[in-house]
Protein backbone atom coordinates (compact mmCIF):
# COMPACT_ATOMS: atom_id res chain seq x y z
CA VAL A 1 5.85 -9.47 -8.22
CA GLN A 2 6.97 -5.88 -9.37
CA LEU A 3 7.20 -3.55 -6.59
CA GLN A 4 7.39 0.29 -7.32
CA ALA A 5 8.23 2.79 -4.53
CA SER A 6 7.15 6.25 -4.30
CA GLY A 7 6.66 9.28 -1.94
CA GLY A 8 10.24 10.13 -0.93
CA GLY A 9 11.45 13.67 -1.23
CA LEU A 10 13.07 16.44 0.53
CA VAL A 11 11.80 17.37 4.08
CA GLN A 12 12.67 19.36 7.07
CA ALA A 13 13.66 17.77 10.14
CA GLY A 14 10.57 17.33 12.46
CA GLY A 15 8.60 16.80 9.10
CA SER A 16 6.71 13.71 8.00
CA LEU A 17 6.26 11.59 4.80
CA ARG A 18 4.38 8.64 3.62
CA LEU A 19 6.11 6.05 1.48
CA SER A 20 4.20 3.85 -0.85
CA CYS A 21 4.91 0.78 -2.49
CA ALA A 22 2.66 -0.63 -5.04
CA ASP A 23 2.68 -4.08 -6.79
CA SER A 24 1.46 -4.90 -10.19
CA GLY A 25 1.25 -8.70 -9.49
CA ARG A 26 -1.88 -10.86 -8.50
CA THR A 27 -0.19 -12.53 -5.40
CA PHE A 28 0.46 -9.47 -3.26
CA SER A 29 -1.85 -10.40 0.01
CA SER A 30 0.40 -13.66 0.17
CA TYR A 31 3.54 -11.98 0.79
CA ALA A 32 5.04 -10.39 3.89
CA LEU A 33 6.53 -7.05 3.18
CA GLY A 34 9.42 -4.81 4.47
CA TRP A 35 11.09 -1.44 4.28
CA PHE A 36 14.70 -1.02 4.25
CA ARG A 37 16.94 1.84 3.75
CA GLN A 38 20.51 2.57 2.75
CA ALA A 39 22.52 5.66 3.45
CA PRO A 40 25.38 6.70 1.38
CA GLY A 41 28.43 4.27 2.30
CA LYS A 42 26.48 2.49 4.65
CA GLU A 43 24.87 -1.17 4.49
CA ARG A 44 21.26 -1.65 3.66
CA ASP A 45 19.33 -1.46 7.13
CA PHE A 46 15.82 -2.90 8.16
CA VAL A 47 13.12 -0.31 8.90
CA ALA A 48 9.75 -2.17 9.14
CA ALA A 49 7.91 -5.22 8.33
CA ILE A 50 4.54 -6.33 8.18
CA ASP A 51 2.83 -9.85 7.81
CA TRP A 52 0.54 -10.87 4.98
CA SER A 53 -2.43 -10.12 6.85
CA GLY A 54 -1.30 -6.59 8.23
CA THR A 55 -1.80 -7.77 11.94
CA ILE A 56 1.79 -8.25 12.99
CA THR A 57 4.57 -5.54 12.51
CA LYS A 58 7.96 -5.08 13.38
CA TYR A 59 10.16 -1.91 13.56
CA ALA A 60 13.82 -1.02 13.96
CA ASP A 61 14.54 0.66 17.23
CA SER A 62 15.65 3.69 15.10
CA VAL A 63 12.22 4.35 14.02
CA LYS A 64 9.94 2.82 16.68
CA GLY A 65 7.34 5.22 17.79
CA ARG A 66 8.04 7.50 14.78
CA SER A 67 6.90 5.25 11.83
CA ALA A 68 4.01 3.15 10.89
CA ILE A 69 3.86 0.18 8.35
CA SER A 70 0.38 -0.51 6.86
CA ARG A 71 -0.80 -2.36 3.73
CA ASP A 72 -4.04 -2.46 1.63
CA ASN A 73 -4.40 -5.76 -0.10
CA ALA A 74 -7.09 -4.51 -2.03
CA LYS A 75 -4.83 -1.97 -3.45
CA ASN A 76 -1.72 -3.93 -3.55
CA THR A 77 0.08 -1.41 -1.75
CA VAL A 78 2.27 -1.14 1.48
CA TYR A 79 2.93 2.14 3.09
CA LEU A 80 5.42 3.54 5.55
CA GLN A 81 4.40 6.44 7.33
CA MET A 82 7.23 8.55 9.05
CA ARG A 83 6.94 11.44 11.26
CA SER A 84 9.52 13.47 13.52
CA LEU A 85 11.93 12.84 10.80
CA LYS A 86 15.77 13.47 11.59
CA PRO A 87 18.62 14.01 9.34
CA GLU A 88 19.82 10.46 10.16
CA ASP A 89 16.76 9.11 8.37
CA THR A 90 18.24 10.47 5.10
CA ALA A 91 18.67 7.34 2.86
CA VAL A 92 17.18 5.51 0.04
CA TYR A 93 14.18 3.43 1.18
CA TYR A 94 13.35 0.10 -0.34
CA CYS A 95 10.34 -1.88 -0.11
CA ALA A 96 10.60 -5.92 -0.38
CA ALA A 97 8.42 -8.95 -0.34
CA ALA A 98 8.97 -12.15 1.20
CA LEU A 99 7.45 -15.29 0.15
CA HIS A 100 7.50 -16.67 3.73
CA ASN A 101 7.41 -15.06 7.08
CA MET A 102 8.27 -11.27 7.62
CA ALA A 103 11.67 -10.89 8.79
CA VAL A 104 14.49 -8.27 9.52
CA HIS A 105 17.19 -9.75 7.32
CA ASP A 106 17.32 -8.54 3.86
CA ARG A 107 18.36 -12.02 2.66
CA ALA A 108 14.82 -13.18 3.51
CA TYR A 109 13.25 -11.09 0.82
CA ASP A 110 12.60 -12.18 -2.46
CA TYR A 111 11.57 -9.31 -4.39
CA TRP A 112 12.71 -5.44 -4.29
CA GLY A 113 11.46 -2.39 -5.48
CA GLN A 114 13.67 0.26 -6.85
CA GLY A 115 14.04 2.49 -4.04
CA THR A 116 12.89 6.30 -3.30
CA GLN A 117 15.28 8.74 -1.80
CA VAL A 118 14.30 10.48 1.63
CA THR A 119 16.40 13.49 2.40
CA VAL A 120 15.82 15.20 5.80
CA SER A 121 17.44 18.45 5.96
CA SER A 122 18.45 20.14 9.53
């Protein structure tokens, strides 16, 4: 599994972004996937997760109602659509893959992408 995140950038508060994370491997559809974020000086936090089939999702309270995680197993890609962005959403966003069940704890994930920076200006 080799995850490559993209789609970050600078956006004004209230704006939207769609993050993507592509896998170059052959077993993408077997994994649960998650998005995490880490702001400067803070711990890495759970954002959203999706099961292998794409039918079960989970969100952190901080993004619930403003974000949508989805996956396209044919394209080996997971997405995180974010809207109504706030300055507190500023962080490096990481995608991760879990061999077993989707989870909110980062220790449950086996593979990590390199991160993409999201900066929300006020």
